[in-house]
Amino acid sequence: MSVIPCEQNSALRDQIEQFAEVLKGEAHKLGKHGLSEQEFYNSGLFRGAIERVRGQFSATMRDKRDYVRRVLNHMQDGGFIKEWDSAGDANRHDYSVRLPSGRVAVIELKGCLDGNNTNIFERPAHAQEFIIWSVCTNPGADPRHNAWSGIHTRLSAEIISRTQRVDGLLVWDMVCGTIGRICPKVAADSSRLTTVGPFQLPPPCIYLFPATIPTPRNNPHPAAQTLGDVQILNAFYQCFGGTAAELNYVSFEVQHRGAETVRTTRLERAGVSQRESAPTPIQRA
């Protein structure tokens, strides 16, 4: 039972931790700073360099946007979408996609889903469909923790408290299927990989959310939508060789408990419950 089929590569995680310890102990030997070991660590040079590198990795969206551009172009070339546009920095979303039916889908691009940035989104008025796409390029991240943190801790609270309808979630990036994040979908069948530019991509992980906002009195437990309801997710599914058994259906149940509003998040795949939260309070401002 798992919120997402893949899991963190424990061997890689151990290597990262070991290398980090070596780096902390040997960093003073690198470069031409001219400082003694004690001076080096007391100067803040090491910490400053680490924070700079960390910031550069976190801040840059160039590689992520190049990946998304290649994927959307591939889908357009195959006729799975009609056209797409980057929304630009002036908007609170990232991409608008016109589907063959004429419907307009809007995509909000996010990182690993475990940070506060996941809470920042706004469904635009012109969106007939609205999805979140998680592109997590850190091979050392834990995909199971991140997916559940995003779905239950962050997205469910935002959907309910701010009445921001999200039709679904796509968890899929260029690390999927690599040694950094081994994908069980293709581990025994490499023919399921799709070549897109320099990437060999497994089928995406797709999560379908309810079509309406849960409310304690009038709509306490709306069911997840079907794949046919969310055409943009169906386009990803068809283009990249998804199977019905791999689709994830997410529902949120809300109720009042005393002065608090609580929600329970349930995730089902292949007719089997994969994870269910305890009733969790929604903090009101």
C-alpha atoms as a PDB file:
ATOM      1  CA  MET A   1       0.000   0.000   0.000  1.00  0.00           C
ATOM      2  CA  SER A   2       1.519   3.321  -0.994  1.00  0.00           C
ATOM      3  CA  VAL A   3       0.511   6.781  -2.117  1.00  0.00           C
ATOM      4  CA  ILE A   4       2.853   6.440  -5.111  1.00  0.00           C
ATOM      5  CA  PRO A   5       4.378   3.264  -6.623  1.00  0.00           C
ATOM      6  CA  CYS A   6       8.007   4.406  -6.540  1.00  0.00           C
ATOM      7  CA  GLU A   7      10.058   4.900  -3.394  1.00  0.00           C
ATOM      8  CA  GLN A   8      13.212   6.603  -2.325  1.00  0.00           C
ATOM      9  CA  ASN A   9      16.408   4.858  -3.428  1.00  0.00           C
ATOM     10  CA  SER A  10      17.797   3.911  -0.021  1.00  0.00           C
ATOM     11  CA  ALA A  11      21.278   3.104  -1.378  1.00  0.00           C
ATOM     12  CA  LEU A  12      21.512   6.510  -3.031  1.00  0.00           C
ATOM     13  CA  ARG A  13      20.228   8.198   0.125  1.00  0.00           C
ATOM     14  CA  ASP A  14      22.964   6.480   2.151  1.00  0.00           C
ATOM     15  CA  GLN A  15      25.609   7.571  -0.362  1.00  0.00           C
ATOM     16  CA  ILE A  16      24.356  11.155  -0.199  1.00  0.00           C
ATOM     17  CA  GLU A  17      24.540  11.131   3.597  1.00  0.00           C
ATOM     18  CA  GLN A  18      28.047   9.639   3.565  1.00  0.00           C
ATOM     19  CA  PHE A  19      29.286  12.121   0.997  1.00  0.00           C
ATOM     20  CA  ALA A  20      27.792  14.994   2.975  1.00  0.00           C
ATOM     21  CA  GLU A  21      29.799  13.921   6.023  1.00  0.00           C
ATOM     22  CA  VAL A  22      32.978  13.680   3.963  1.00  0.00           C
ATOM     23  CA  LEU A  23      32.329  17.107   2.471  1.00  0.00           C
ATOM     24  CA  LYS A  24      31.824  18.683   5.895  1.00  0.00           C
ATOM     25  CA  GLY A  25      35.109  17.250   7.142  1.00  0.00           C
ATOM     26  CA  GLU A  26      37.243  17.830   4.033  1.00  0.00           C
ATOM     27  CA  ALA A  27      35.874  21.068   2.579  1.00  0.00           C
ATOM     28  CA  HIS A  28      38.748  23.163   3.950  1.00  0.00           C
ATOM     29  CA  LYS A  29      41.097  21.331   1.568  1.00  0.00           C
ATOM     30  CA  LEU A  30      39.238  22.540  -1.517  1.00  0.00           C
ATOM     31  CA  GLY A  31      39.898  25.765  -3.380  1.00  0.00           C
ATOM     32  CA  LYS A  32      42.546  28.467  -2.911  1.00  0.00           C
ATOM     33  CA  HIS A  33      41.119  30.393   0.060  1.00  0.00           C
ATOM     34  CA  GLY A  34      44.448  30.431   1.928  1.00  0.00           C
ATOM     35  CA  LEU A  35      42.784  29.801   5.304  1.00  0.00           C
ATOM     36  CA  SER A  36      43.712  27.282   7.964  1.00  0.00           C
ATOM     37  CA  GLU A  37      41.183  24.584   8.821  1.00  0.00           C
ATOM     38  CA  GLN A  38      39.975  26.469  11.884  1.00  0.00           C
ATOM     39  CA  GLU A  39      39.852  29.808  10.050  1.00  0.00           C
ATOM     40  CA  PHE A  40      37.958  28.232   7.177  1.00  0.00           C
ATOM     41  CA  TYR A  41      35.134  26.861   9.306  1.00  0.00           C
ATOM     42  CA  ASN A  42      34.993  29.937  11.563  1.00  0.00           C
ATOM     43  CA  SER A  43      34.814  32.304   8.588  1.00  0.00           C
ATOM     44  CA  GLY A  44      31.406  31.163   7.380  1.00  0.00           C
ATOM     45  CA  LEU A  45      32.835  30.490   3.924  1.00  0.00           C
ATOM     46  CA  PHE A  46      31.728  26.860   3.901  1.00  0.00           C
ATOM     47  CA  ARG A  47      28.197  27.565   5.143  1.00  0.00           C
ATOM     48  CA  GLY A  48      27.837  30.468   2.742  1.00  0.00           C
ATOM     49  CA  ALA A  49      28.954  28.366  -0.219  1.00  0.00           C
ATOM     50  CA  ILE A  50      26.537  25.567   0.708  1.00  0.00           C
ATOM     51  CA  GLU A  51      23.629  28.010   0.999  1.00  0.00           C
ATOM     52  CA  ARG A  52      24.528  29.583  -2.336  1.00  0.00           C
ATOM     53  CA  VAL A  53      24.576  26.227  -4.121  1.00  0.00           C
ATOM     54  CA  ARG A  54      21.348  25.194  -2.403  1.00  0.00           C
ATOM     55  CA  GLY A  55      19.680  28.416  -3.475  1.00  0.00           C
ATOM     56  CA  GLN A  56      20.841  28.005  -7.049  1.00  0.00           C
ATOM     57  CA  PHE A  57      19.376  24.509  -7.244  1.00  0.00           C
ATOM     58  CA  SER A  58      16.104  25.602  -5.640  1.00  0.00           C
ATOM     59  CA  ALA A  59      15.611  28.837  -7.547  1.00  0.00           C
ATOM     60  CA  THR A  60      16.316  27.794 -11.096  1.00  0.00           C
ATOM     61  CA  MET A  61      13.323  26.721 -13.160  1.00  0.00           C
ATOM     62  CA  ARG A  62      15.164  26.552 -16.470  1.00  0.00           C
ATOM     63  CA  ASP A  63      15.681  22.786 -16.528  1.00  0.00           C
ATOM     64  CA  LYS A  64      12.143  22.123 -15.292  1.00  0.00           C
ATOM     65  CA  ARG A  65      10.620  24.389 -17.908  1.00  0.00           C
ATOM     66  CA  ASP A  66      12.745  22.804 -20.636  1.00  0.00           C
ATOM     67  CA  TYR A  67      11.425  19.405 -19.571  1.00  0.00           C
ATOM     68  CA  VAL A  68       7.805  20.598 -19.590  1.00  0.00           C
ATOM     69  CA  ARG A  69       8.297  22.285 -22.966  1.00  0.00           C
ATOM     70  CA  ARG A  70       9.590  19.058 -24.496  1.00  0.00           C
ATOM     71  CA  VAL A  71       6.729  17.023 -23.024  1.00  0.00           C
ATOM     72  CA  LEU A  72       4.000  19.417 -24.199  1.00  0.00           C
ATOM     73  CA  ASN A  73       5.554  19.683 -27.655  1.00  0.00           C
ATOM     74  CA  HIS A  74       5.634  15.887 -27.866  1.00  0.00           C
ATOM     75  CA  MET A  75       1.944  15.750 -26.912  1.00  0.00           C
ATOM     76  CA  GLN A  76       1.081  18.424 -29.475  1.00  0.00           C
ATOM     77  CA  ASP A  77       3.004  16.606 -32.210  1.00  0.00           C
ATOM     78  CA  GLY A  78       1.017  13.457 -31.416  1.00  0.00           C
ATOM     79  CA  GLY A  79      -2.333  15.240 -31.497  1.00  0.00           C
ATOM     80  CA  PHE A  80      -3.074  14.652 -27.814  1.00  0.00           C
ATOM     81  CA  ILE A  81      -3.290  18.404 -27.222  1.00  0.00           C
ATOM     82  CA  LYS A  82      -4.040  21.113 -29.785  1.00  0.00           C
ATOM     83  CA  GLU A  83      -1.769  23.906 -28.563  1.00  0.00           C
ATOM     84  CA  TRP A  84      -0.177  25.298 -25.429  1.00  0.00           C
ATOM     85  CA  ASP A  85       1.225  28.552 -24.112  1.00  0.00           C
ATOM     86  CA  SER A  86       3.451  29.553 -21.231  1.00  0.00           C
ATOM     87  CA  ALA A  87       1.462  31.950 -19.059  1.00  0.00           C
ATOM     88  CA  GLY A  88       4.482  34.050 -18.072  1.00  0.00           C
ATOM     89  CA  ASP A  89       5.488  35.681 -14.806  1.00  0.00           C
ATOM     90  CA  ALA A  90       2.510  38.041 -14.670  1.00  0.00           C
ATOM     91  CA  ASN A  91       0.073  35.178 -13.994  1.00  0.00           C
ATOM     92  CA  ARG A  92      -0.521  32.928 -10.998  1.00  0.00           C
ATOM     93  CA  HIS A  93      -0.336  29.826 -13.172  1.00  0.00           C
ATOM     94  CA  ASP A  94       2.248  28.429 -15.580  1.00  0.00           C
ATOM     95  CA  TYR A  95       0.682  26.938 -18.717  1.00  0.00           C
ATOM     96  CA  SER A  96      -2.572  27.065 -20.658  1.00  0.00           C
ATOM     97  CA  VAL A  97      -3.359  24.088 -22.868  1.00  0.00           C
ATOM     98  CA  ARG A  98      -6.090  23.876 -25.490  1.00  0.00           C
ATOM     99  CA  LEU A  99      -7.341  20.333 -25.935  1.00  0.00           C
ATOM    100  CA  PRO A 100      -8.669  18.799 -29.172  1.00  0.00           C
ATOM    101  CA  SER A 101     -12.232  19.239 -27.862  1.00  0.00           C
ATOM    102  CA  GLY A 102     -11.632  22.971 -27.461  1.00  0.00           C
ATOM    103  CA  ARG A 103     -11.536  22.846 -23.663  1.00  0.00           C
ATOM    104  CA  VAL A 104      -8.906  24.956 -21.909  1.00  0.00           C
ATOM    105  CA  ALA A 105      -6.779  23.307 -19.232  1.00  0.00           C
ATOM    106  CA  VAL A 106      -4.467  25.276 -16.962  1.00  0.00           C
ATOM    107  CA  ILE A 107      -1.359  23.779 -15.368  1.00  0.00           C
ATOM    108  CA  GLU A 108       0.351  25.048 -12.220  1.00  0.00           C
ATOM    109  CA  LEU A 109       3.938  23.789 -11.937  1.00  0.00           C
ATOM    110  CA  LYS A 110       5.236  22.879  -8.478  1.00  0.00           C
ATOM    111  CA  GLY A 111       8.317  21.244  -6.986  1.00  0.00           C
ATOM    112  CA  CYS A 112       8.411  18.323  -4.555  1.00  0.00           C
ATOM    113  CA  LEU A 113       5.060  19.235  -2.873  1.00  0.00           C
ATOM    114  CA  ASP A 114       6.390  19.197   0.704  1.00  0.00           C
ATOM    115  CA  GLY A 115       7.004  22.955   0.923  1.00  0.00           C
ATOM    116  CA  ASN A 116       4.856  26.031   1.453  1.00  0.00           C
ATOM    117  CA  ASN A 117       5.038  26.884  -2.253  1.00  0.00           C
ATOM    118  CA  THR A 118       2.524  24.091  -2.869  1.00  0.00           C
ATOM    119  CA  ASN A 119      -0.113  26.199  -1.082  1.00  0.00           C
ATOM    120  CA  ILE A 120       0.321  29.121  -3.493  1.00  0.00           C
ATOM    121  CA  PHE A 121      -1.978  28.751  -6.483  1.00  0.00           C
ATOM    122  CA  GLU A 122      -5.074  30.353  -7.946  1.00  0.00           C
ATOM    123  CA  ARG A 123      -7.444  28.714 -10.397  1.00  0.00           C
ATOM    124  CA  PRO A 124      -7.951  31.286 -13.179  1.00  0.00           C
ATOM    125  CA  ALA A 125     -11.445  32.135 -14.361  1.00  0.00           C
ATOM    126  CA  HIS A 126     -10.851  30.850 -17.895  1.00  0.00           C
ATOM    127  CA  ALA A 127      -9.731  27.381 -16.736  1.00  0.00           C
ATOM    128  CA  GLN A 128     -12.200  24.632 -17.598  1.00  0.00           C
ATOM    129  CA  GLU A 129      -9.736  22.200 -16.044  1.00  0.00           C
ATOM    130  CA  PHE A 130      -7.001  22.966 -13.533  1.00  0.00           C
ATOM    131  CA  ILE A 131      -4.227  20.606 -12.439  1.00  0.00           C
ATOM    132  CA  ILE A 132      -1.045  20.721 -10.388  1.00  0.00           C
ATOM    133  CA  TRP A 133       2.113  19.197 -11.927  1.00  0.00           C
ATOM    134  CA  SER A 134       4.854  18.223  -9.484  1.00  0.00           C
ATOM    135  CA  VAL A 135       8.367  18.281 -10.974  1.00  0.00           C
ATOM    136  CA  CYS A 136      10.723  17.183  -8.191  1.00  0.00           C
ATOM    137  CA  THR A 137      14.287  17.054  -9.494  1.00  0.00           C
ATOM    138  CA  ASN A 138      15.959  16.073  -6.214  1.00  0.00           C
ATOM    139  CA  PRO A 139      16.921  12.369  -6.471  1.00  0.00           C
ATOM    140  CA  GLY A 140      17.396  12.252  -2.694  1.00  0.00           C
ATOM    141  CA  ALA A 141      13.815  13.318  -1.965  1.00  0.00           C
ATOM    142  CA  ASP A 142      11.279  10.827  -0.622  1.00  0.00           C
ATOM    143  CA  PRO A 143       8.471  10.616  -3.230  1.00  0.00           C
ATOM    144  CA  ARG A 144       6.019   8.904  -0.872  1.00  0.00           C
ATOM    145  CA  HIS A 145       6.403  11.531   1.831  1.00  0.00           C
ATOM    146  CA  ASN A 146       6.211  14.359  -0.680  1.00  0.00           C
ATOM    147  CA  ALA A 147       3.126  13.071  -2.511  1.00  0.00           C
ATOM    148  CA  TRP A 148       1.129  12.567   0.682  1.00  0.00           C
ATOM    149  CA  SER A 149       2.299  15.870   2.137  1.00  0.00           C
ATOM    150  CA  GLY A 150       1.150  17.610  -1.031  1.00  0.00           C
ATOM    151  CA  ILE A 151      -2.208  15.853  -1.355  1.00  0.00           C
ATOM    152  CA  HIS A 152      -3.380  15.722   2.252  1.00  0.00           C
ATOM    153  CA  THR A 153      -1.458  18.292   4.267  1.00  0.00           C
ATOM    154  CA  ARG A 154      -1.433  21.072   1.693  1.00  0.00           C
ATOM    155  CA  LEU A 155      -3.759  20.688  -1.287  1.00  0.00           C
ATOM    156  CA  SER A 156      -6.783  19.316   0.585  1.00  0.00           C
ATOM    157  CA  ALA A 157      -6.660  22.180   3.084  1.00  0.00           C
ATOM    158  CA  GLU A 158      -6.363  24.791   0.321  1.00  0.00           C
ATOM    159  CA  ILE A 159      -9.155  23.261  -1.765  1.00  0.00           C
ATOM    160  CA  ILE A 160     -11.562  23.228   1.179  1.00  0.00           C
ATOM    161  CA  SER A 161     -10.654  26.416   3.032  1.00  0.00           C
ATOM    162  CA  ARG A 162     -10.176  28.642  -0.029  1.00  0.00           C
ATOM    163  CA  THR A 163     -12.696  26.843  -2.281  1.00  0.00           C
ATOM    164  CA  GLN A 164     -10.017  26.414  -4.947  1.00  0.00           C
ATOM    165  CA  ARG A 165     -11.054  23.524  -7.160  1.00  0.00           C
ATOM    166  CA  VAL A 166      -8.155  21.362  -8.352  1.00  0.00           C
ATOM    167  CA  ASP A 167      -9.151  18.653 -10.816  1.00  0.00           C
ATOM    168  CA  GLY A 168      -6.076  16.525 -10.391  1.00  0.00           C
ATOM    169  CA  LEU A 169      -2.391  16.115  -9.801  1.00  0.00           C
ATOM    170  CA  LEU A 170       0.438  14.897 -12.018  1.00  0.00           C
ATOM    171  CA  VAL A 171       3.596  13.641 -10.249  1.00  0.00           C
ATOM    172  CA  TRP A 172       6.174  13.095 -12.969  1.00  0.00           C
ATOM    173  CA  ASP A 173       9.574  14.429 -13.957  1.00  0.00           C
ATOM    174  CA  MET A 174      12.891  13.652 -15.609  1.00  0.00           C
ATOM    175  CA  VAL A 175      14.229  11.794 -12.541  1.00  0.00           C
ATOM    176  CA  CYS A 176      11.405   9.235 -12.764  1.00  0.00           C
ATOM    177  CA  GLY A 177      12.699   5.920 -14.063  1.00  0.00           C
ATOM    178  CA  THR A 178      16.359   6.777 -13.440  1.00  0.00           C
ATOM    179  CA  ILE A 179      18.648   5.191 -10.853  1.00  0.00           C
ATOM    180  CA  GLY A 180      17.755   8.084  -8.563  1.00  0.00           C
ATOM    181  CA  ARG A 181      14.069   7.105  -8.598  1.00  0.00           C
ATOM    182  CA  ILE A 182      13.521   3.603  -9.912  1.00  0.00           C
ATOM    183  CA  CYS A 183      10.025   3.212 -11.393  1.00  0.00           C
ATOM    184  CA  PRO A 184       8.295  -0.161 -10.871  1.00  0.00           C
ATOM    185  CA  LYS A 185       6.101   0.512 -13.928  1.00  0.00           C
ATOM    186  CA  VAL A 186       9.062   0.011 -16.242  1.00  0.00           C
ATOM    187  CA  ALA A 187      11.432  -2.085 -14.123  1.00  0.00           C
ATOM    188  CA  ALA A 188      10.257  -5.286 -15.810  1.00  0.00           C
ATOM    189  CA  ASP A 189       9.114  -3.764 -19.107  1.00  0.00           C
ATOM    190  CA  SER A 190      11.337  -1.103 -20.630  1.00  0.00           C
ATOM    191  CA  SER A 191       9.058  -0.957 -23.691  1.00  0.00           C
ATOM    192  CA  ARG A 192       6.768   1.280 -21.633  1.00  0.00           C
ATOM    193  CA  LEU A 193       9.364   4.066 -21.711  1.00  0.00           C
ATOM    194  CA  THR A 194       8.698   6.990 -24.044  1.00  0.00           C
ATOM    195  CA  THR A 195      11.605   8.896 -25.574  1.00  0.00           C
ATOM    196  CA  VAL A 196      11.186  12.662 -25.406  1.00  0.00           C
ATOM    197  CA  GLY A 197      14.373  14.457 -26.428  1.00  0.00           C
ATOM    198  CA  PRO A 198      17.108  13.359 -23.986  1.00  0.00           C
ATOM    199  CA  PHE A 199      14.587  11.772 -21.585  1.00  0.00           C
ATOM    200  CA  GLN A 200      13.331   8.202 -21.263  1.00  0.00           C
ATOM    201  CA  LEU A 201      10.022   8.650 -19.457  1.00  0.00           C
ATOM    202  CA  PRO A 202       7.841   6.068 -17.714  1.00  0.00           C
ATOM    203  CA  PRO A 203       4.053   6.562 -17.617  1.00  0.00           C
ATOM    204  CA  PRO A 204       3.114   9.418 -15.276  1.00  0.00           C
ATOM    205  CA  CYS A 205       1.501   9.097 -11.853  1.00  0.00           C
ATOM    206  CA  ILE A 206      -1.993  10.583 -12.182  1.00  0.00           C
ATOM    207  CA  TYR A 207      -4.281  11.586  -9.289  1.00  0.00           C
ATOM    208  CA  LEU A 208      -7.930  12.447  -9.920  1.00  0.00           C
ATOM    209  CA  PHE A 209      -9.649  14.811  -7.459  1.00  0.00           C
ATOM    210  CA  PRO A 210     -13.368  15.606  -6.913  1.00  0.00           C
ATOM    211  CA  ALA A 211     -15.199  17.914  -9.332  1.00  0.00           C
ATOM    212  CA  THR A 212     -16.770  19.908  -6.502  1.00  0.00           C
ATOM    213  CA  ILE A 213     -15.591  21.531  -3.271  1.00  0.00           C
ATOM    214  CA  PRO A 214     -16.362  19.458  -0.150  1.00  0.00           C
ATOM    215  CA  THR A 215     -18.566  21.202   2.421  1.00  0.00           C
ATOM    216  CA  PRO A 216     -19.702  19.689   5.747  1.00  0.00           C
ATOM    217  CA  ARG A 217     -23.449  20.214   5.276  1.00  0.00           C
ATOM    218  CA  ASN A 218     -24.225  20.051   1.572  1.00  0.00           C
ATOM    219  CA  ASN A 219     -21.358  18.102   0.000  1.00  0.00           C
ATOM    220  CA  PRO A 220     -19.415  16.252   2.697  1.00  0.00           C
ATOM    221  CA  HIS A 221     -17.763  13.541   0.598  1.00  0.00           C
ATOM    222  CA  PRO A 222     -17.688  14.096  -3.192  1.00  0.00           C
ATOM    223  CA  ALA A 223     -16.176  11.248  -5.174  1.00  0.00           C
ATOM    224  CA  ALA A 224     -13.074  11.552  -7.314  1.00  0.00           C
ATOM    225  CA  GLN A 225     -13.636  12.298 -10.991  1.00  0.00           C
ATOM    226  CA  THR A 226     -13.079   9.717 -13.697  1.00  0.00           C
ATOM    227  CA  LEU A 227     -10.317  10.016 -16.265  1.00  0.00           C
ATOM    228  CA  GLY A 228     -12.850  10.994 -18.915  1.00  0.00           C
ATOM    229  CA  ASP A 229     -13.854  13.999 -16.809  1.00  0.00           C
ATOM    230  CA  VAL A 230     -10.378  15.557 -16.859  1.00  0.00           C
ATOM    231  CA  GLN A 231      -9.247  15.682 -20.469  1.00  0.00           C
ATOM    232  CA  ILE A 232      -5.754  17.045 -19.813  1.00  0.00           C
ATOM    233  CA  LEU A 233      -4.942  14.115 -17.524  1.00  0.00           C
ATOM    234  CA  ASN A 234      -6.445  11.728 -20.071  1.00  0.00           C
ATOM    235  CA  ALA A 235      -4.131  13.259 -22.684  1.00  0.00           C
ATOM    236  CA  PHE A 236      -1.074  12.474 -20.515  1.00  0.00           C
ATOM    237  CA  TYR A 237      -2.457   8.997 -19.843  1.00  0.00           C
ATOM    238  CA  GLN A 238      -3.026   8.212 -23.518  1.00  0.00           C
ATOM    239  CA  CYS A 239       0.181   9.786 -24.800  1.00  0.00           C
ATOM    240  CA  PHE A 240       2.507   8.085 -22.326  1.00  0.00           C
ATOM    241  CA  GLY A 241       0.964   4.634 -22.037  1.00  0.00           C
ATOM    242  CA  GLY A 242      -0.871   4.664 -18.728  1.00  0.00           C
ATOM    243  CA  THR A 243      -2.991   1.757 -17.501  1.00  0.00           C
ATOM    244  CA  ALA A 244      -6.245   1.844 -15.544  1.00  0.00           C
ATOM    245  CA  ALA A 245      -4.666  -0.051 -12.635  1.00  0.00           C
ATOM    246  CA  GLU A 246      -2.169   2.798 -12.131  1.00  0.00           C
ATOM    247  CA  LEU A 247      -4.708   5.615 -11.809  1.00  0.00           C
ATOM    248  CA  ASN A 248      -5.153   7.158  -8.372  1.00  0.00           C
ATOM    249  CA  TYR A 249      -8.540   8.360  -7.100  1.00  0.00           C
ATOM    250  CA  VAL A 250      -8.514  10.902  -4.270  1.00  0.00           C
ATOM    251  CA  SER A 251     -11.522  11.952  -2.197  1.00  0.00           C
ATOM    252  CA  PHE A 252     -11.896  14.355   0.708  1.00  0.00           C
ATOM    253  CA  GLU A 253     -14.532  14.006   3.432  1.00  0.00           C
ATOM    254  CA  VAL A 254     -15.241  17.029   5.622  1.00  0.00           C
ATOM    255  CA  GLN A 255     -17.264  17.368   8.801  1.00  0.00           C
ATOM    256  CA  HIS A 256     -17.642  19.566  11.854  1.00  0.00           C
ATOM    257  CA  ARG A 257     -16.238  18.300  15.122  1.00  0.00           C
ATOM    258  CA  GLY A 258     -17.139  20.798  17.763  1.00  0.00           C
ATOM    259  CA  ALA A 259     -15.741  24.169  16.726  1.00  0.00           C
ATOM    260  CA  GLU A 260     -13.348  22.592  14.188  1.00  0.00           C
ATOM    261  CA  THR A 261     -13.743  21.568  10.579  1.00  0.00           C
ATOM    262  CA  VAL A 262     -11.839  18.370   9.846  1.00  0.00           C
ATOM    263  CA  ARG A 263     -11.096  16.542   6.618  1.00  0.00           C
ATOM    264  CA  THR A 264     -10.236  12.926   5.891  1.00  0.00           C
ATOM    265  CA  THR A 265      -8.234  12.202   2.738  1.00  0.00           C
ATOM    266  CA  ARG A 266      -8.600   8.832   1.023  1.00  0.00           C
ATOM    267  CA  LEU A 267      -6.551   7.506  -1.892  1.00  0.00           C
ATOM    268  CA  GLU A 268      -7.536   4.444  -3.907  1.00  0.00           C
ATOM    269  CA  ARG A 269      -5.717   2.644  -6.731  1.00  0.00           C
ATOM    270  CA  ALA A 270      -6.839  -0.465  -8.630  1.00  0.00           C
ATOM    271  CA  GLY A 271      -9.895  -0.703  -6.381  1.00  0.00           C
ATOM    272  CA  VAL A 272      -7.748  -0.929  -3.248  1.00  0.00           C
ATOM    273  CA  SER A 273      -7.385   1.696  -0.544  1.00  0.00           C
ATOM    274  CA  GLN A 274      -3.755   2.815  -0.546  1.00  0.00           C
ATOM    275  CA  ARG A 275      -3.828   5.384   2.250  1.00  0.00           C
ATOM    276  CA  GLU A 276      -6.329   7.169   4.477  1.00  0.00           C
ATOM    277  CA  SER A 277      -5.661  10.012   6.852  1.00  0.00           C
ATOM    278  CA  ALA A 278      -7.143  10.554  10.277  1.00  0.00           C
ATOM    279  CA  PRO A 279      -9.678  13.395  10.475  1.00  0.00           C
ATOM    280  CA  THR A 280      -7.374  16.419  10.437  1.00  0.00           C
ATOM    281  CA  PRO A 281      -8.395  19.950  11.473  1.00  0.00           C
ATOM    282  CA  ILE A 282      -8.354  22.730   8.905  1.00  0.00           C
ATOM    283  CA  GLN A 283      -6.827  25.763  10.570  1.00  0.00           C
ATOM    284  CA  ARG A 284      -8.934  28.856  10.021  1.00  0.00           C
ATOM    285  CA  ALA A 285      -7.385  32.311   9.804  1.00  0.00           C
END
